[in-house]
């Protein structure tokens, strides 16, 4: 079902934006009704409390009933959203009336508060609808980029050639290469949904690197450091494998002496931190920084679609290492 009913209203980043939007509107409305800055400051303090409380009182129940709300027909959804907005406004203003900060209570004022809450709910819902519609083409672009960068053709050909070379020399290793390749393509071609666990992504990256270790032999050194607490974190499908593949392609392949790829996943400051690092070749003519551009853009866009501002992806070069860093919310 298109529209805001399918958009994740439980995102912390979305709640922050909604609160700021309501605060901005209230500040402008208050400014147009006062005669001095001091008077505006006093009124705005009360309005700010009501705005924050009302927005959260609207968003939290909306998050709780999001699945059921999506099943309602469009008129029913709109009615539920407006009624919830009116109720949230009344509950947010009640402490101000009780404290004597909202003036005398009478029918017209109560009606005004309830209608204002419904109006703010309509404004926020329209913003969510617009945000959901804008996300659809972005999601399509991310999906296309994901399909284009999942498993590059050169890797397929190299892996098949490696397996063919091992068929007579070491049939068991050839079988393991083909099994790993089959698993990679099973995931690459499957529609696995919006997210998978980080444990699944790590397992897939291990299979990829096992194939590359057969190809590169001693030139490729792989180090893993995985904290089990990160396993349940949610990530877009095939978000780790492209970064690992780039680390091999741009860090190991150009270097005659090879190098190391290290994958670290840990809990840090209440978040999941995933690091993919590779050595950078110091040989003359080698690129100064590996080209993680397309994969990185793809990863960033899909992380934004899944976690909004709660996730980030950055790259840096420190000495002889190139680092790709992903930060995720801890489940």
Protein backbone atom coordinates (compact mmCIF):
# COMPACT_ATOMS: atom_id res chain seq x y z
CA UNK A 1 0.00 0.00 0.00
CA UNK A 2 1.65 3.23 -1.07
CA UNK A 3 2.01 6.33 1.00
CA UNK A 4 2.75 7.11 4.59
CA UNK A 5 0.98 4.01 5.85
CA UNK A 6 3.93 1.98 4.61
CA UNK A 7 6.59 4.41 5.87
CA UNK A 8 8.38 3.53 9.11
CA UNK A 9 7.12 6.20 11.52
CA UNK A 10 9.16 4.64 14.34
CA UNK A 11 12.48 6.09 13.13
CA UNK A 12 14.11 8.28 15.83
CA UNK A 13 15.32 10.61 13.08
CA UNK A 14 11.77 11.05 11.82
CA UNK A 15 10.53 11.89 15.34
CA UNK A 16 13.23 14.54 15.67
CA UNK A 17 12.27 16.10 12.33
CA UNK A 18 8.59 16.07 13.27
CA UNK A 19 9.27 17.79 16.61
CA UNK A 20 11.40 20.47 14.92
CA UNK A 21 8.74 21.08 12.26
CA UNK A 22 6.00 21.56 14.87
CA UNK A 23 8.26 23.79 16.98
CA UNK A 24 9.04 25.96 13.97
CA UNK A 25 5.37 26.45 13.10
CA UNK A 26 4.44 27.21 16.72
CA UNK A 27 7.28 29.71 17.03
CA UNK A 28 6.07 31.61 13.96
CA UNK A 29 2.43 31.55 15.08
CA UNK A 30 3.40 32.81 18.55
CA UNK A 31 5.58 35.54 17.06
CA UNK A 32 2.62 36.96 15.16
CA UNK A 33 0.51 37.36 18.34
CA UNK A 34 2.92 39.19 20.71
CA UNK A 35 4.15 42.76 21.16
CA UNK A 36 7.65 42.19 22.52
CA UNK A 37 10.48 39.68 22.60
CA UNK A 38 9.95 39.07 26.33
CA UNK A 39 6.29 38.28 25.79
CA UNK A 40 7.21 35.97 22.91
CA UNK A 41 9.74 34.12 25.08
CA UNK A 42 7.18 33.47 27.80
CA UNK A 43 4.49 32.25 25.44
CA UNK A 44 6.89 30.21 23.38
CA UNK A 45 8.10 28.31 26.44
CA UNK A 46 4.57 27.05 27.06
CA UNK A 47 4.00 26.42 23.36
CA UNK A 48 7.29 24.49 23.10
CA UNK A 49 6.23 22.16 25.92
CA UNK A 50 2.84 21.56 24.32
CA UNK A 51 4.42 21.07 20.89
CA UNK A 52 6.97 18.47 22.01
CA UNK A 53 4.48 16.61 24.20
CA UNK A 54 1.75 16.66 21.56
CA UNK A 55 4.06 15.48 18.76
CA UNK A 56 5.39 12.58 20.82
CA UNK A 57 1.91 11.68 22.06
CA UNK A 58 0.90 11.48 18.39
CA UNK A 59 3.95 9.63 17.07
CA UNK A 60 4.27 6.94 19.76
CA UNK A 61 0.71 5.54 19.37
CA UNK A 62 1.03 5.91 15.60
CA UNK A 63 4.18 3.78 15.72
CA UNK A 64 2.41 1.19 17.90
CA UNK A 65 -0.57 0.81 15.53
CA UNK A 66 1.34 1.28 12.27
CA UNK A 67 0.68 -2.24 10.99
CA UNK A 68 -3.04 -2.10 11.73
CA UNK A 69 -3.29 1.42 10.32
CA UNK A 70 -1.88 0.22 6.99
CA UNK A 71 -4.78 -2.23 6.65
CA UNK A 72 -7.42 0.50 6.87
CA UNK A 73 -8.83 2.16 3.74
CA UNK A 74 -7.48 5.65 3.03
CA UNK A 75 -10.45 7.55 4.59
CA UNK A 76 -10.22 5.42 7.73
CA UNK A 77 -6.48 6.09 8.05
CA UNK A 78 -6.96 9.83 7.69
CA UNK A 79 -9.77 9.87 10.25
CA UNK A 80 -7.69 7.86 12.74
CA UNK A 81 -4.67 10.14 12.25
CA UNK A 82 -6.72 13.33 12.75
CA UNK A 83 -8.52 11.99 15.84
CA UNK A 84 -5.21 10.89 17.32
CA UNK A 85 -3.79 14.37 16.63
CA UNK A 86 -6.72 16.07 18.37
CA UNK A 87 -6.42 13.74 21.39
CA UNK A 88 -2.63 14.29 21.58
CA UNK A 89 -3.12 18.09 21.55
CA UNK A 90 -5.70 17.92 24.34
CA UNK A 91 -3.47 15.74 26.50
CA UNK A 92 -0.43 17.99 25.85
CA UNK A 93 -2.34 21.18 26.81
CA UNK A 94 -3.96 19.72 29.94
CA UNK A 95 -0.87 20.24 32.21
CA UNK A 96 -0.66 23.88 31.04
CA UNK A 97 -4.32 24.49 31.89
CA UNK A 98 -3.83 22.78 35.25
CA UNK A 99 -0.79 25.02 35.98
CA UNK A 100 -2.66 28.15 34.91
CA UNK A 101 -0.33 28.81 31.95
CA UNK A 102 -2.89 28.46 29.18
CA UNK A 103 -5.50 31.05 30.19
CA UNK A 104 -9.11 30.37 31.09
CA UNK A 105 -10.68 27.12 29.95
CA UNK A 106 -13.84 27.40 27.88
CA UNK A 107 -15.50 25.55 25.03
CA UNK A 108 -14.12 27.68 22.22
CA UNK A 109 -10.54 27.39 23.46
CA UNK A 110 -10.83 23.64 23.91
CA UNK A 111 -12.23 23.34 20.38
CA UNK A 112 -9.35 25.47 19.07
CA UNK A 113 -6.74 23.24 20.74
CA UNK A 114 -8.35 20.05 19.43
CA UNK A 115 -8.67 21.44 15.90
CA UNK A 116 -5.06 22.67 16.03
CA UNK A 117 -3.94 19.17 16.99
CA UNK A 118 -5.88 17.70 14.08
CA UNK A 119 -4.37 20.31 11.75
CA UNK A 120 -0.83 19.52 12.89
CA UNK A 121 -1.57 15.81 12.46
CA UNK A 122 -2.77 16.49 8.91
CA UNK A 123 0.39 18.52 8.21
CA UNK A 124 2.70 15.79 9.54
CA UNK A 125 0.79 13.04 7.74
CA UNK A 126 0.99 14.96 4.45
CA UNK A 127 4.76 15.32 5.03
CA UNK A 128 5.03 11.57 5.67
CA UNK A 129 3.08 10.87 2.47
CA UNK A 130 5.41 13.12 0.48
CA UNK A 131 8.47 11.54 2.11
CA UNK A 132 7.21 8.04 1.27
CA UNK A 133 6.59 8.99 -2.38
CA UNK A 134 10.04 10.55 -2.69
CA UNK A 135 11.58 7.40 -1.19
CA UNK A 136 10.05 5.16 -3.87
CA UNK A 137 12.30 6.33 -6.75
CA UNK A 138 15.27 6.42 -4.39
CA UNK A 139 14.51 2.85 -3.40
CA UNK A 140 14.28 1.87 -7.06
CA UNK A 141 17.65 3.52 -7.80
CA UNK A 142 19.23 1.81 -4.80
CA UNK A 143 17.78 -1.54 -5.92
CA UNK A 144 19.23 -1.07 -9.41
CA UNK A 145 22.62 -0.07 -8.04
CA UNK A 146 22.49 -3.06 -5.71
CA UNK A 147 21.78 -5.45 -8.57
CA UNK A 148 24.56 -3.91 -10.67
CA UNK A 149 27.16 -4.17 -7.93
CA UNK A 150 26.20 -7.45 -6.26
CA UNK A 151 28.62 -9.91 -7.84
CA UNK A 152 30.82 -8.51 -10.57
CA UNK A 153 31.24 -10.66 -13.73
CA UNK A 154 35.03 -10.75 -13.45
CA UNK A 155 34.71 -12.47 -10.06
CA UNK A 156 32.35 -15.09 -11.53
CA UNK A 157 34.73 -15.92 -14.36
CA UNK A 158 37.77 -16.03 -12.09
CA UNK A 159 36.01 -18.25 -9.56
CA UNK A 160 34.86 -20.67 -12.27
CA UNK A 161 38.35 -20.79 -13.76
CA UNK A 162 39.77 -21.51 -10.31
CA UNK A 163 37.28 -24.34 -9.78
CA UNK A 164 38.10 -25.80 -13.22
CA UNK A 165 41.81 -25.73 -12.44
CA UNK A 166 41.19 -27.55 -9.15
CA UNK A 167 38.87 -30.25 -10.50
CA UNK A 168 41.71 -32.71 -11.17
CA UNK A 169 44.29 -31.41 -8.71
CA UNK A 170 42.05 -31.03 -5.65
CA UNK A 171 38.42 -32.05 -6.25
CA UNK A 172 37.37 -31.31 -2.65
CA UNK A 173 38.59 -27.71 -2.82
CA UNK A 174 36.94 -27.30 -6.23
CA UNK A 175 33.68 -28.52 -4.71
CA UNK A 176 33.97 -26.01 -1.84
CA UNK A 177 34.60 -23.18 -4.31
CA UNK A 178 31.51 -24.10 -6.32
CA UNK A 179 29.39 -24.47 -3.18
CA UNK A 180 30.45 -21.03 -1.99
CA UNK A 181 29.80 -19.54 -5.41
CA UNK A 182 26.35 -21.15 -5.51
CA UNK A 183 25.50 -19.65 -2.11
CA UNK A 184 26.66 -16.20 -3.20
CA UNK A 185 24.48 -16.26 -6.28
CA UNK A 186 21.54 -17.76 -4.39
CA UNK A 187 21.52 -14.66 -2.18
CA UNK A 188 22.38 -12.28 -5.01
CA UNK A 189 19.44 -13.39 -7.14
CA UNK A 190 16.92 -13.82 -4.31
CA UNK A 191 14.46 -11.16 -3.21
CA UNK A 192 15.34 -11.34 0.48
CA UNK A 193 13.44 -8.25 1.60
CA UNK A 194 14.49 -4.93 3.05
CA UNK A 195 16.93 -6.26 5.63
CA UNK A 196 18.85 -9.27 6.91
CA UNK A 197 20.84 -9.88 10.07
CA UNK A 198 24.47 -8.85 10.23
CA UNK A 199 25.31 -12.49 11.03
CA UNK A 200 23.94 -13.51 7.61
CA UNK A 201 25.99 -10.79 5.90
CA UNK A 202 29.14 -11.88 7.72
CA UNK A 203 28.57 -15.51 6.71
CA UNK A 204 28.18 -14.46 3.07
CA UNK A 205 31.36 -12.36 3.21
CA UNK A 206 33.22 -15.35 4.67
CA UNK A 207 32.14 -17.51 1.72
CA UNK A 208 33.29 -14.84 -0.71
CA UNK A 209 36.68 -14.51 0.96
CA UNK A 210 37.14 -18.29 1.09
CA UNK A 211 36.85 -18.34 -2.70
CA UNK A 212 39.29 -15.46 -3.04
CA UNK A 213 41.75 -17.16 -0.68
CA UNK A 214 41.83 -20.12 -3.05
CA UNK A 215 42.58 -17.76 -5.96
CA UNK A 216 45.19 -15.56 -4.30
CA UNK A 217 46.75 -18.12 -1.97
CA UNK A 218 49.30 -16.61 0.43
CA UNK A 219 48.91 -13.15 -1.18
CA UNK A 220 45.57 -12.71 0.61
CA UNK A 221 45.59 -12.65 4.41
CA UNK A 222 42.18 -12.41 6.08
CA UNK A 223 41.57 -11.48 9.71
CA UNK A 224 38.18 -11.59 11.46
CA UNK A 225 37.24 -10.01 14.78
CA UNK A 226 33.49 -10.38 15.38
CA UNK A 227 31.68 -9.57 18.63
CA UNK A 228 28.69 -11.97 18.91
CA UNK A 229 26.53 -9.12 20.27
CA UNK A 230 26.35 -7.56 16.79
CA UNK A 231 24.85 -10.61 15.07
CA UNK A 232 21.21 -9.51 15.35
CA UNK A 233 21.75 -6.00 13.94
CA UNK A 234 19.71 -5.37 10.78
CA UNK A 235 21.40 -4.34 7.52
CA UNK A 236 20.35 -4.13 3.87
CA UNK A 237 21.09 -7.38 2.00
CA UNK A 238 24.55 -7.59 0.41
CA UNK A 239 25.87 -4.47 2.10
CA UNK A 240 29.10 -6.03 3.43
CA UNK A 241 30.14 -8.21 0.49
CA UNK A 242 30.65 -5.31 -1.99
CA UNK A 243 32.93 -3.52 0.50
CA UNK A 244 34.93 -6.71 1.09
CA UNK A 245 35.13 -7.31 -2.66
CA UNK A 246 36.43 -3.78 -3.21
CA UNK A 247 39.02 -4.31 -0.47
CA UNK A 248 40.32 -7.37 -2.35
CA UNK A 249 40.08 -5.80 -5.78
CA UNK A 250 41.76 -2.48 -4.92
CA UNK A 251 44.00 -3.52 -2.05
CA UNK A 252 45.20 -7.05 -2.83
CA UNK A 253 44.92 -7.48 -6.59
CA UNK A 254 47.27 -4.60 -7.59
CA UNK A 255 49.97 -5.58 -5.07
CA UNK A 256 52.46 -8.24 -6.15
CA UNK A 257 53.19 -9.00 -2.50
CA UNK A 258 49.50 -9.15 -1.63
CA UNK A 259 48.14 -7.76 1.61
CA UNK A 260 45.60 -8.13 4.37
CA UNK A 261 41.83 -7.64 4.60
CA UNK A 262 40.47 -7.26 8.12
CA UNK A 263 36.78 -7.30 9.08
CA UNK A 264 35.91 -6.09 12.57
CA UNK A 265 32.42 -5.90 14.09
CA UNK A 266 32.02 -4.61 17.63
CA UNK A 267 29.72 -2.72 19.98
CA UNK A 268 30.94 0.78 20.66
CA UNK A 269 29.11 3.59 22.47
CA UNK A 270 25.84 1.73 22.30
CA UNK A 271 26.07 1.21 18.54
CA UNK A 272 27.31 -1.49 16.19
CA UNK A 273 30.53 -0.54 14.40
CA UNK A 274 31.57 -2.54 11.33
CA UNK A 275 35.04 -1.94 9.88
CA UNK A 276 36.46 -3.29 6.62
CA UNK A 277 40.11 -2.41 6.15
CA UNK A 278 42.67 -3.35 3.53
CA UNK A 279 46.33 -2.61 3.02
CA UNK A 280 47.17 -0.15 0.24
CA UNK A 281 49.94 -1.09 -2.16
CA UNK A 282 53.06 1.04 -1.94
CA UNK A 283 54.28 -0.03 -5.38
CA UNK A 284 55.03 2.70 -7.97
CA UNK A 285 52.01 3.39 -10.14
CA UNK A 286 49.53 1.96 -7.65
CA UNK A 287 46.54 4.16 -6.85
CA UNK A 288 46.90 6.23 -3.67
CA UNK A 289 43.37 5.39 -2.51
CA UNK A 290 41.22 2.47 -3.62
CA UNK A 291 38.06 3.19 -5.58
CA UNK A 292 35.20 2.30 -3.26
CA UNK A 293 32.98 4.94 -4.91
CA UNK A 294 30.07 3.04 -6.44
CA UNK A 295 29.83 0.42 -3.71
CA UNK A 296 30.07 3.09 -1.03
CA UNK A 297 27.32 5.23 -2.60
CA UNK A 298 25.12 2.15 -2.89
CA UNK A 299 25.73 1.18 0.75
CA UNK A 300 25.05 4.70 2.02
CA UNK A 301 21.79 5.02 0.11
CA UNK A 302 20.45 1.67 1.28
CA UNK A 303 21.50 2.28 4.89
CA UNK A 304 19.66 5.62 4.77
CA UNK A 305 16.52 3.93 3.46
CA UNK A 306 16.65 1.30 6.22
CA UNK A 307 17.87 3.25 9.27
CA UNK A 308 17.56 6.95 8.28
CA UNK A 309 19.97 9.04 10.40
CA UNK A 310 20.61 6.16 12.84
CA UNK A 311 23.24 4.66 10.49
CA UNK A 312 26.24 6.03 8.63
CA UNK A 313 28.98 4.86 6.29
CA UNK A 314 32.34 6.62 5.97
CA UNK A 315 35.74 5.88 4.47
CA UNK A 316 39.21 7.06 5.39
CA UNK A 317 42.85 6.28 4.77
CA UNK A 318 45.17 5.94 7.72
CA UNK A 319 48.79 5.29 6.86
CA UNK A 320 48.91 2.15 4.77
CA UNK A 321 45.29 1.15 5.41
CA UNK A 322 42.05 2.01 3.65
CA UNK A 323 39.05 1.82 6.00
CA UNK A 324 35.32 1.56 5.31
CA UNK A 325 33.27 2.11 8.49
CA UNK A 326 29.57 1.40 8.99
CA UNK A 327 27.70 2.40 12.14
CA UNK A 328 24.33 0.76 12.89
CA UNK A 329 21.78 0.97 15.71
CA UNK A 330 22.17 -1.79 18.28
CA UNK A 331 18.98 -3.91 18.43
